[in-house]
Amino acid sequence: MQCIIFIGIPASGKSSFYKEHFFNSHIRVSLDLLNTRNKERKLIDYCFSTQSKFVIDNTNVTKEEREKYITLLKEKKYEIIGYYFETNLEDALDRNEKRKESIAQIGVKAKYKELELPNSEEGFDKIYKVSLKNKQFKVEEYEV
């Protein structure tokens, strides 16, 4: 059983990466789709009850946000993999402007300021870094 936790500011490529790499293998848990924590929890409970692989496709920019998931996942004996989406603010703002469902610039900037880089001490079994160049994703092991 495996859970992948995405970590990155808005418009860093998380949802596109999910569609390209995990659409056929992992359930997508996203507050953008579910709108409430209650619905999110119900979907996560469903994943646990069916022993499904899933991706938490939220920004998860603070250690505190990630800790809630990691604690629960450890209890359920899930492998926990982090994917940190490295991007600079200017590129994210540019991609955000080009999206159909863009968010206010202040929201992107706020998440950028809140961002706390992940580390294995949080409880991840593995962490990868994802970068986006010329619309191509590059994945490499994340060195803390």
C-alpha atoms as a PDB file:
ATOM      1  CA  MET A   1       0.000   0.000   0.000  1.00  0.00           C
ATOM      2  CA  GLN A   2       1.358   3.329  -1.005  1.00  0.00           C
ATOM      3  CA  CYS A   3       0.515   6.989  -0.637  1.00  0.00           C
ATOM      4  CA  ILE A   4       2.219   9.770  -2.512  1.00  0.00           C
ATOM      5  CA  ILE A   5       2.152  13.260  -1.043  1.00  0.00           C
ATOM      6  CA  PHE A   6       2.704  16.140  -3.451  1.00  0.00           C
ATOM      7  CA  ILE A   7       4.450  19.227  -2.067  1.00  0.00           C
ATOM      8  CA  GLY A   8       4.515  22.419  -4.071  1.00  0.00           C
ATOM      9  CA  ILE A   9       3.071  25.845  -4.583  1.00  0.00           C
ATOM     10  CA  PRO A  10       0.110  26.373  -6.925  1.00  0.00           C
ATOM     11  CA  ALA A  11       1.005  26.083 -10.633  1.00  0.00           C
ATOM     12  CA  SER A  12       4.145  24.055  -9.974  1.00  0.00           C
ATOM     13  CA  GLY A  13       2.851  21.157 -12.096  1.00  0.00           C
ATOM     14  CA  LYS A  14       1.381  18.812  -9.479  1.00  0.00           C
ATOM     15  CA  SER A  15      -1.923  17.941 -11.161  1.00  0.00           C
ATOM     16  CA  SER A  16      -0.353  17.659 -14.616  1.00  0.00           C
ATOM     17  CA  PHE A  17       2.301  15.348 -13.167  1.00  0.00           C
ATOM     18  CA  TYR A  18      -0.426  13.220 -11.561  1.00  0.00           C
ATOM     19  CA  LYS A  19      -2.231  12.868 -14.896  1.00  0.00           C
ATOM     20  CA  GLU A  20       0.984  11.946 -16.688  1.00  0.00           C
ATOM     21  CA  HIS A  21       2.410   9.515 -14.104  1.00  0.00           C
ATOM     22  CA  PHE A  22      -0.260   8.203 -11.714  1.00  0.00           C
ATOM     23  CA  PHE A  23      -3.676   8.533 -13.385  1.00  0.00           C
ATOM     24  CA  ASN A  24      -3.889   4.809 -14.167  1.00  0.00           C
ATOM     25  CA  SER A  25      -2.499   3.517 -10.886  1.00  0.00           C
ATOM     26  CA  HIS A  26      -3.435   5.839  -7.993  1.00  0.00           C
ATOM     27  CA  ILE A  27      -6.639   7.483  -6.773  1.00  0.00           C
ATOM     28  CA  ARG A  28      -6.362  11.272  -6.716  1.00  0.00           C
ATOM     29  CA  VAL A  29      -7.260  12.974  -3.438  1.00  0.00           C
ATOM     30  CA  SER A  30      -7.495  16.710  -4.094  1.00  0.00           C
ATOM     31  CA  LEU A  31      -9.229  19.500  -2.209  1.00  0.00           C
ATOM     32  CA  ASP A  32      -9.576  21.291  -5.549  1.00  0.00           C
ATOM     33  CA  LEU A  33     -11.948  18.490  -6.570  1.00  0.00           C
ATOM     34  CA  LEU A  34     -13.516  17.566  -3.239  1.00  0.00           C
ATOM     35  CA  ASN A  35     -13.906  21.079  -1.764  1.00  0.00           C
ATOM     36  CA  THR A  36     -14.142  19.992   1.899  1.00  0.00           C
ATOM     37  CA  ARG A  37     -11.935  18.193   4.423  1.00  0.00           C
ATOM     38  CA  ASN A  38     -14.885  15.948   5.274  1.00  0.00           C
ATOM     39  CA  LYS A  39     -15.095  14.648   1.696  1.00  0.00           C
ATOM     40  CA  GLU A  40     -11.317  14.342   1.592  1.00  0.00           C
ATOM     41  CA  ARG A  41     -11.339  12.212   4.756  1.00  0.00           C
ATOM     42  CA  LYS A  42     -14.093   9.975   3.361  1.00  0.00           C
ATOM     43  CA  LEU A  43     -12.098   9.355   0.187  1.00  0.00           C
ATOM     44  CA  ILE A  44      -8.942   8.609   2.185  1.00  0.00           C
ATOM     45  CA  ASP A  45     -10.928   6.195   4.382  1.00  0.00           C
ATOM     46  CA  TYR A  46     -12.188   4.516   1.205  1.00  0.00           C
ATOM     47  CA  CYS A  47      -8.596   4.151  -0.004  1.00  0.00           C
ATOM     48  CA  PHE A  48      -7.646   2.555   3.316  1.00  0.00           C
ATOM     49  CA  SER A  49     -10.624   0.172   3.308  1.00  0.00           C
ATOM     50  CA  THR A  50      -9.846  -0.973  -0.242  1.00  0.00           C
ATOM     51  CA  GLN A  51      -6.060  -0.892   0.270  1.00  0.00           C
ATOM     52  CA  SER A  52      -5.776   1.417  -2.729  1.00  0.00           C
ATOM     53  CA  LYS A  53      -2.770   3.412  -3.779  1.00  0.00           C
ATOM     54  CA  PHE A  54      -3.456   7.133  -3.723  1.00  0.00           C
ATOM     55  CA  VAL A  55      -1.944  10.566  -4.291  1.00  0.00           C
ATOM     56  CA  ILE A  56      -2.641  13.561  -2.080  1.00  0.00           C
ATOM     57  CA  ASP A  57      -2.636  16.308  -4.687  1.00  0.00           C
ATOM     58  CA  ASN A  58      -2.728  19.428  -2.501  1.00  0.00           C
ATOM     59  CA  THR A  59      -0.046  22.057  -1.946  1.00  0.00           C
ATOM     60  CA  ASN A  60       1.063  20.574   1.419  1.00  0.00           C
ATOM     61  CA  VAL A  61       3.631  23.366   1.756  1.00  0.00           C
ATOM     62  CA  THR A  62       4.062  23.210   5.543  1.00  0.00           C
ATOM     63  CA  LYS A  63       5.376  20.407   7.722  1.00  0.00           C
ATOM     64  CA  GLU A  64       2.241  20.753   9.836  1.00  0.00           C
ATOM     65  CA  GLU A  65      -0.022  20.050   6.838  1.00  0.00           C
ATOM     66  CA  ARG A  66       2.033  17.003   5.868  1.00  0.00           C
ATOM     67  CA  GLU A  67       2.222  15.699   9.443  1.00  0.00           C
ATOM     68  CA  LYS A  68      -1.544  15.109   9.602  1.00  0.00           C
ATOM     69  CA  TYR A  69      -1.354  12.783   6.617  1.00  0.00           C
ATOM     70  CA  ILE A  70       1.918  11.113   7.588  1.00  0.00           C
ATOM     71  CA  THR A  71       0.694  10.227  11.090  1.00  0.00           C
ATOM     72  CA  LEU A  72      -2.429   8.589   9.675  1.00  0.00           C
ATOM     73  CA  LEU A  73      -0.511   6.804   6.924  1.00  0.00           C
ATOM     74  CA  LYS A  74       2.010   5.382   9.389  1.00  0.00           C
ATOM     75  CA  GLU A  75      -0.865   3.994  11.486  1.00  0.00           C
ATOM     76  CA  LYS A  76      -2.193   2.246   8.379  1.00  0.00           C
ATOM     77  CA  LYS A  77       1.271   0.925   7.471  1.00  0.00           C
ATOM     78  CA  TYR A  78       1.413   2.715   4.131  1.00  0.00           C
ATOM     79  CA  GLU A  79       4.625   3.440   2.259  1.00  0.00           C
ATOM     80  CA  ILE A  80       4.876   7.245   2.145  1.00  0.00           C
ATOM     81  CA  ILE A  81       6.549   8.881  -0.818  1.00  0.00           C
ATOM     82  CA  GLY A  82       6.972  12.631  -1.164  1.00  0.00           C
ATOM     83  CA  TYR A  83       7.245  14.483  -4.447  1.00  0.00           C
ATOM     84  CA  TYR A  84       8.562  18.017  -4.011  1.00  0.00           C
ATOM     85  CA  PHE A  85       7.791  20.265  -6.987  1.00  0.00           C
ATOM     86  CA  GLU A  86      10.650  22.712  -7.212  1.00  0.00           C
ATOM     87  CA  THR A  87       9.797  25.938  -9.005  1.00  0.00           C
ATOM     88  CA  ASN A  88      10.515  29.610  -8.749  1.00  0.00           C
ATOM     89  CA  LEU A  89       7.795  32.132  -8.079  1.00  0.00           C
ATOM     90  CA  GLU A  90       8.011  33.843 -11.480  1.00  0.00           C
ATOM     91  CA  ASP A  91       7.526  30.585 -13.417  1.00  0.00           C
ATOM     92  CA  ALA A  92       4.600  29.588 -11.200  1.00  0.00           C
ATOM     93  CA  LEU A  93       2.918  32.972 -11.649  1.00  0.00           C
ATOM     94  CA  ASP A  94       3.396  32.716 -15.418  1.00  0.00           C
ATOM     95  CA  ARG A  95       1.922  29.179 -15.557  1.00  0.00           C
ATOM     96  CA  ASN A  96      -0.933  30.265 -13.275  1.00  0.00           C
ATOM     97  CA  GLU A  97      -1.902  33.069 -15.668  1.00  0.00           C
ATOM     98  CA  LYS A  98      -2.113  30.558 -18.534  1.00  0.00           C
ATOM     99  CA  ARG A  99      -4.333  28.074 -16.667  1.00  0.00           C
ATOM    100  CA  LYS A 100      -8.081  27.855 -17.215  1.00  0.00           C
ATOM    101  CA  GLU A 101      -8.634  27.704 -13.462  1.00  0.00           C
ATOM    102  CA  SER A 102      -6.083  30.271 -12.303  1.00  0.00           C
ATOM    103  CA  ILE A 103      -6.031  31.527  -8.752  1.00  0.00           C
ATOM    104  CA  ALA A 104      -5.269  35.021  -7.480  1.00  0.00           C
ATOM    105  CA  GLN A 105      -1.577  35.918  -7.603  1.00  0.00           C
ATOM    106  CA  ILE A 106      -1.662  36.660  -3.895  1.00  0.00           C
ATOM    107  CA  GLY A 107      -2.570  33.007  -3.251  1.00  0.00           C
ATOM    108  CA  VAL A 108       0.444  31.724  -5.182  1.00  0.00           C
ATOM    109  CA  LYS A 109       2.717  34.214  -3.408  1.00  0.00           C
ATOM    110  CA  ALA A 110       1.334  33.299   0.019  1.00  0.00           C
ATOM    111  CA  LYS A 111       1.991  29.580  -0.510  1.00  0.00           C
ATOM    112  CA  TYR A 112       5.494  30.395  -1.765  1.00  0.00           C
ATOM    113  CA  LYS A 113       6.214  32.281   1.477  1.00  0.00           C
ATOM    114  CA  GLU A 114       4.814  29.406   3.585  1.00  0.00           C
ATOM    115  CA  LEU A 115       6.811  26.694   1.794  1.00  0.00           C
ATOM    116  CA  GLU A 116       8.873  24.503   4.121  1.00  0.00           C
ATOM    117  CA  LEU A 117      11.119  22.091   2.255  1.00  0.00           C
ATOM    118  CA  PRO A 118      10.427  18.429   3.033  1.00  0.00           C
ATOM    119  CA  ASN A 119      12.859  16.095   4.726  1.00  0.00           C
ATOM    120  CA  SER A 120      13.003  12.408   5.562  1.00  0.00           C
ATOM    121  CA  GLU A 121      12.742  13.126   9.304  1.00  0.00           C
ATOM    122  CA  GLU A 122       9.065  13.950   8.720  1.00  0.00           C
ATOM    123  CA  GLY A 123       8.419  10.250   8.099  1.00  0.00           C
ATOM    124  CA  PHE A 124       8.741   9.895   4.336  1.00  0.00           C
ATOM    125  CA  ASP A 125      10.097   6.589   3.078  1.00  0.00           C
ATOM    126  CA  LYS A 126      11.387   8.314  -0.074  1.00  0.00           C
ATOM    127  CA  ILE A 127      11.366  11.862  -1.428  1.00  0.00           C
ATOM    128  CA  TYR A 128      11.758  12.913  -5.042  1.00  0.00           C
ATOM    129  CA  LYS A 129      12.255  16.336  -6.559  1.00  0.00           C
ATOM    130  CA  VAL A 130      10.295  17.251  -9.677  1.00  0.00           C
ATOM    131  CA  SER A 131      11.243  20.145 -11.909  1.00  0.00           C
ATOM    132  CA  LEU A 132       9.499  21.369 -15.036  1.00  0.00           C
ATOM    133  CA  LYS A 133      11.495  22.664 -17.984  1.00  0.00           C
ATOM    134  CA  ASN A 134      10.095  23.182 -21.488  1.00  0.00           C
ATOM    135  CA  LYS A 135       6.897  21.349 -20.468  1.00  0.00           C
ATOM    136  CA  GLN A 136       8.935  18.248 -19.549  1.00  0.00           C
ATOM    137  CA  PHE A 137       9.072  16.828 -16.045  1.00  0.00           C
ATOM    138  CA  LYS A 138      12.414  15.800 -14.608  1.00  0.00           C
ATOM    139  CA  VAL A 139      12.336  13.536 -11.551  1.00  0.00           C
ATOM    140  CA  GLU A 140      15.337  12.896  -9.346  1.00  0.00           C
ATOM    141  CA  GLU A 141      16.000  11.756  -5.810  1.00  0.00           C
ATOM    142  CA  TYR A 142      15.668  14.614  -3.375  1.00  0.00           C
ATOM    143  CA  GLU A 143      18.830  15.325  -1.409  1.00  0.00           C
ATOM    144  CA  VAL A 144      18.086  16.879   1.969  1.00  0.00           C
END
